[in-house]
């Protein structure tokens, strides 16, 4: 199911109110909320939060290439072999 561009997989509960609605995840945590004043927010509990004011808190693990890491660091890096 898609809601405003958000792909919902799994079990979610939706509660509708006079001025908006709330979507809860399978654990009962608020996943998405929207009110009648065009304010909204969505979150992946304890990992990701975003709201209509542009605030984003992102604690997801990011995968980067060596080139992306070098660009962030500002210098070249060399990968050493792993110990067994």
N, C-alpha and C. Protein backbone atom coordinates (compact mmCIF):
# COMPACT_ATOMS: atom_id res chain seq x y z
N UNK A 1 0.85 -1.18 0.00
CA UNK A 1 0.00 0.00 0.00
C UNK A 1 0.89 1.24 0.00
N UNK A 2 0.53 2.24 -0.77
CA UNK A 2 1.27 3.50 -0.79
C UNK A 2 0.41 4.61 -0.20
N UNK A 3 1.03 5.45 0.58
CA UNK A 3 0.36 6.60 1.16
C UNK A 3 1.27 7.79 0.98
N UNK A 4 0.87 8.73 0.13
CA UNK A 4 1.65 9.95 -0.12
C UNK A 4 3.11 9.62 -0.43
N UNK A 5 3.31 8.61 -1.27
CA UNK A 5 4.66 8.24 -1.67
C UNK A 5 5.40 7.35 -0.70
N UNK A 6 4.77 6.99 0.42
CA UNK A 6 5.40 6.13 1.41
C UNK A 6 4.90 4.71 1.18
N UNK A 7 5.84 3.78 0.96
CA UNK A 7 5.47 2.38 0.77
C UNK A 7 5.29 1.73 2.13
N UNK A 8 4.09 1.24 2.40
CA UNK A 8 3.81 0.59 3.68
C UNK A 8 3.82 -0.92 3.48
N UNK A 9 4.74 -1.59 4.15
CA UNK A 9 4.81 -3.05 4.11
C UNK A 9 4.61 -3.56 5.52
N UNK A 10 3.84 -4.59 5.67
CA UNK A 10 3.58 -5.13 6.99
C UNK A 10 2.18 -4.74 7.45
N UNK A 11 1.98 -4.77 8.77
CA UNK A 11 0.68 -4.49 9.35
C UNK A 11 0.68 -3.11 9.99
N UNK A 12 -0.26 -2.28 9.58
CA UNK A 12 -0.40 -0.93 10.13
C UNK A 12 -1.85 -0.69 10.50
N UNK A 13 -2.05 0.15 11.50
CA UNK A 13 -3.40 0.52 11.93
C UNK A 13 -3.57 2.01 11.65
N UNK A 14 -4.68 2.37 11.03
CA UNK A 14 -4.95 3.77 10.70
C UNK A 14 -6.13 4.24 11.53
N UNK A 15 -5.96 5.38 12.19
CA UNK A 15 -7.05 6.01 12.95
C UNK A 15 -7.33 7.36 12.32
N UNK A 16 -8.59 7.57 11.99
CA UNK A 16 -9.01 8.83 11.38
C UNK A 16 -9.67 9.72 12.43
N UNK A 17 -9.38 11.00 12.36
CA UNK A 17 -9.96 12.00 13.25
C UNK A 17 -10.63 13.07 12.40
N UNK A 18 -11.34 13.98 13.02
CA UNK A 18 -12.02 15.06 12.28
C UNK A 18 -11.05 15.86 11.43
N UNK A 19 -9.84 16.08 11.93
CA UNK A 19 -8.90 16.96 11.23
C UNK A 19 -7.68 16.25 10.66
N UNK A 20 -7.64 14.94 10.71
CA UNK A 20 -6.46 14.26 10.18
C UNK A 20 -6.49 12.77 10.46
N UNK A 21 -5.32 12.15 10.47
CA UNK A 21 -5.23 10.73 10.73
C UNK A 21 -3.85 10.38 11.27
N UNK A 22 -3.77 9.19 11.88
CA UNK A 22 -2.52 8.67 12.43
C UNK A 22 -2.37 7.23 11.97
N UNK A 23 -1.15 6.85 11.59
CA UNK A 23 -0.85 5.47 11.22
C UNK A 23 0.10 4.91 12.27
N UNK A 24 -0.24 3.75 12.82
CA UNK A 24 0.57 3.09 13.83
C UNK A 24 1.21 1.84 13.23
N UNK A 25 2.45 1.53 13.63
CA UNK A 25 3.09 0.30 13.15
C UNK A 25 2.59 -0.89 13.96
N UNK A 26 3.16 -2.07 13.67
CA UNK A 26 2.69 -3.31 14.31
C UNK A 26 2.94 -3.33 15.81
N UNK A 27 3.84 -2.46 16.31
CA UNK A 27 4.11 -2.38 17.75
C UNK A 27 3.30 -1.29 18.44
N UNK A 28 2.47 -0.58 17.68
CA UNK A 28 1.65 0.49 18.24
C UNK A 28 2.34 1.85 18.27
N UNK A 29 3.53 1.95 17.68
CA UNK A 29 4.25 3.22 17.62
C UNK A 29 3.69 4.07 16.48
N UNK A 30 3.63 5.38 16.69
CA UNK A 30 3.17 6.29 15.65
C UNK A 30 4.18 6.29 14.51
N UNK A 31 3.73 5.95 13.30
CA UNK A 31 4.57 5.91 12.12
C UNK A 31 4.39 7.18 11.29
N UNK A 32 3.15 7.64 11.16
CA UNK A 32 2.86 8.82 10.34
C UNK A 32 1.66 9.52 10.95
N UNK A 33 1.71 10.85 10.99
CA UNK A 33 0.59 11.64 11.52
C UNK A 33 0.41 12.85 10.62
N UNK A 34 -0.83 13.18 10.38
CA UNK A 34 -1.13 14.38 9.60
C UNK A 34 -2.36 15.05 10.21
N UNK A 35 -2.28 16.37 10.39
CA UNK A 35 -3.44 17.09 10.92
C UNK A 35 -4.05 17.98 9.85
N UNK A 36 -5.10 18.65 10.16
CA UNK A 36 -5.82 19.49 9.21
C UNK A 36 -5.12 20.79 8.86
N UNK A 37 -4.02 21.09 9.51
CA UNK A 37 -3.28 22.34 9.26
C UNK A 37 -2.07 22.13 8.36
N UNK A 38 -2.07 21.06 7.60
CA UNK A 38 -0.99 20.70 6.66
C UNK A 38 0.30 20.32 7.37
N UNK A 39 0.25 20.09 8.69
CA UNK A 39 1.43 19.60 9.40
C UNK A 39 1.42 18.09 9.36
N UNK A 40 2.59 17.49 9.11
CA UNK A 40 2.70 16.04 9.11
C UNK A 40 4.06 15.64 9.64
N UNK A 41 4.19 14.41 10.08
CA UNK A 41 5.49 13.83 10.37
C UNK A 41 5.42 12.33 10.16
N UNK A 42 6.59 11.73 9.89
CA UNK A 42 6.68 10.29 9.79
C UNK A 42 7.95 9.86 10.50
N UNK A 43 7.95 8.65 11.00
CA UNK A 43 9.13 8.15 11.69
C UNK A 43 9.21 6.65 11.58
N UNK A 44 10.40 6.14 11.53
CA UNK A 44 10.66 4.72 11.71
C UNK A 44 11.21 4.69 13.12
N UNK A 45 10.48 4.14 14.01
CA UNK A 45 10.70 4.30 15.44
C UNK A 45 12.16 4.20 15.84
N UNK A 46 12.67 5.24 16.49
CA UNK A 46 14.02 5.35 17.00
C UNK A 46 15.10 5.40 15.92
N UNK A 47 14.74 5.36 14.64
CA UNK A 47 15.74 5.35 13.57
C UNK A 47 15.62 6.56 12.66
N UNK A 48 14.39 6.93 12.32
CA UNK A 48 14.19 7.97 11.33
C UNK A 48 13.00 8.84 11.70
N UNK A 49 13.17 10.18 11.56
CA UNK A 49 12.10 11.13 11.84
C UNK A 49 12.17 12.24 10.81
N UNK A 50 11.02 12.63 10.28
CA UNK A 50 10.96 13.73 9.32
C UNK A 50 9.62 14.44 9.50
N UNK A 51 9.61 15.78 9.41
CA UNK A 51 8.34 16.47 9.50
C UNK A 51 8.21 17.52 8.40
N UNK A 52 7.03 18.14 8.33
CA UNK A 52 6.74 19.09 7.27
C UNK A 52 7.50 20.40 7.39
N UNK A 53 8.16 20.63 8.52
CA UNK A 53 8.99 21.82 8.70
C UNK A 53 10.41 21.62 8.17
N UNK A 54 10.70 20.44 7.63
CA UNK A 54 12.01 20.16 7.07
C UNK A 54 12.99 19.56 8.05
N UNK A 55 12.55 19.29 9.28
CA UNK A 55 13.43 18.68 10.28
C UNK A 55 13.59 17.19 9.97
N UNK A 56 14.84 16.72 9.93
CA UNK A 56 15.11 15.30 9.67
C UNK A 56 16.13 14.82 10.69
N UNK A 57 15.83 13.70 11.33
CA UNK A 57 16.77 13.01 12.21
C UNK A 57 16.90 11.62 11.62
N UNK A 58 18.10 11.28 11.15
CA UNK A 58 18.31 10.03 10.43
C UNK A 58 19.43 9.24 11.08
N UNK A 59 19.09 8.13 11.74
CA UNK A 59 20.07 7.28 12.40
C UNK A 59 20.23 5.94 11.67
N UNK A 60 19.75 5.89 10.42
CA UNK A 60 19.90 4.66 9.64
C UNK A 60 21.36 4.44 9.26
N UNK A 61 21.75 3.20 9.12
CA UNK A 61 23.11 2.86 8.68
C UNK A 61 23.24 3.25 7.21
N UNK A 62 24.31 3.95 6.90
CA UNK A 62 24.53 4.39 5.53
C UNK A 62 25.63 3.56 4.89
N UNK A 63 25.41 3.13 3.67
CA UNK A 63 26.43 2.40 2.93
C UNK A 63 27.09 3.37 1.96
N UNK A 64 28.43 3.46 2.04
CA UNK A 64 29.19 4.38 1.19
C UNK A 64 30.25 3.61 0.41
N UNK A 65 30.55 4.10 -0.77
CA UNK A 65 31.65 3.54 -1.54
C UNK A 65 32.95 4.14 -1.01
N UNK A 66 34.08 3.53 -1.40
CA UNK A 66 35.39 4.07 -1.02
C UNK A 66 35.53 5.51 -1.52
N UNK A 67 35.08 5.76 -2.75
CA UNK A 67 35.17 7.11 -3.32
C UNK A 67 34.36 8.11 -2.50
N UNK A 68 33.19 7.72 -2.04
CA UNK A 68 32.37 8.62 -1.22
C UNK A 68 33.02 8.91 0.12
N UNK A 69 33.63 7.89 0.71
CA UNK A 69 34.34 8.08 1.99
C UNK A 69 35.52 9.03 1.80
N UNK A 70 36.28 8.82 0.73
CA UNK A 70 37.42 9.69 0.46
C UNK A 70 36.98 11.14 0.26
N UNK A 71 35.88 11.33 -0.44
CA UNK A 71 35.37 12.68 -0.67
C UNK A 71 34.99 13.34 0.66
N UNK A 72 34.34 12.59 1.55
CA UNK A 72 33.97 13.13 2.86
C UNK A 72 35.19 13.46 3.70
N UNK A 73 36.21 12.58 3.65
CA UNK A 73 37.43 12.80 4.44
C UNK A 73 38.33 13.86 3.84
N UNK A 74 38.30 13.99 2.51
CA UNK A 74 39.15 14.96 1.85
C UNK A 74 40.52 14.42 1.49
N UNK A 75 40.70 13.10 1.60
CA UNK A 75 41.97 12.49 1.21
C UNK A 75 41.75 11.02 0.84
N UNK A 76 42.75 10.45 0.15
CA UNK A 76 42.68 9.05 -0.28
C UNK A 76 42.90 8.13 0.91
N UNK A 77 42.26 6.96 0.86
CA UNK A 77 42.47 5.96 1.90
C UNK A 77 42.87 4.65 1.25
N UNK A 78 43.54 3.80 2.04
CA UNK A 78 43.95 2.49 1.57
C UNK A 78 43.31 1.45 2.49
N UNK A 79 42.71 0.45 1.90
CA UNK A 79 42.05 -0.60 2.66
C UNK A 79 43.06 -1.72 2.92
N UNK A 80 43.24 -2.07 4.20
CA UNK A 80 44.14 -3.15 4.57
C UNK A 80 43.35 -4.45 4.58
N UNK A 81 44.04 -5.56 4.40
CA UNK A 81 43.40 -6.88 4.45
C UNK A 81 42.87 -7.19 5.84
N UNK A 82 41.86 -8.03 5.90
CA UNK A 82 41.28 -8.40 7.19
C UNK A 82 42.08 -9.50 7.85
N UNK A 83 42.09 -9.48 9.16
CA UNK A 83 42.75 -10.55 9.94
C UNK A 83 41.80 -11.73 10.03
N UNK A 84 42.37 -12.93 10.05
CA UNK A 84 41.54 -14.13 10.19
C UNK A 84 41.69 -14.72 11.55
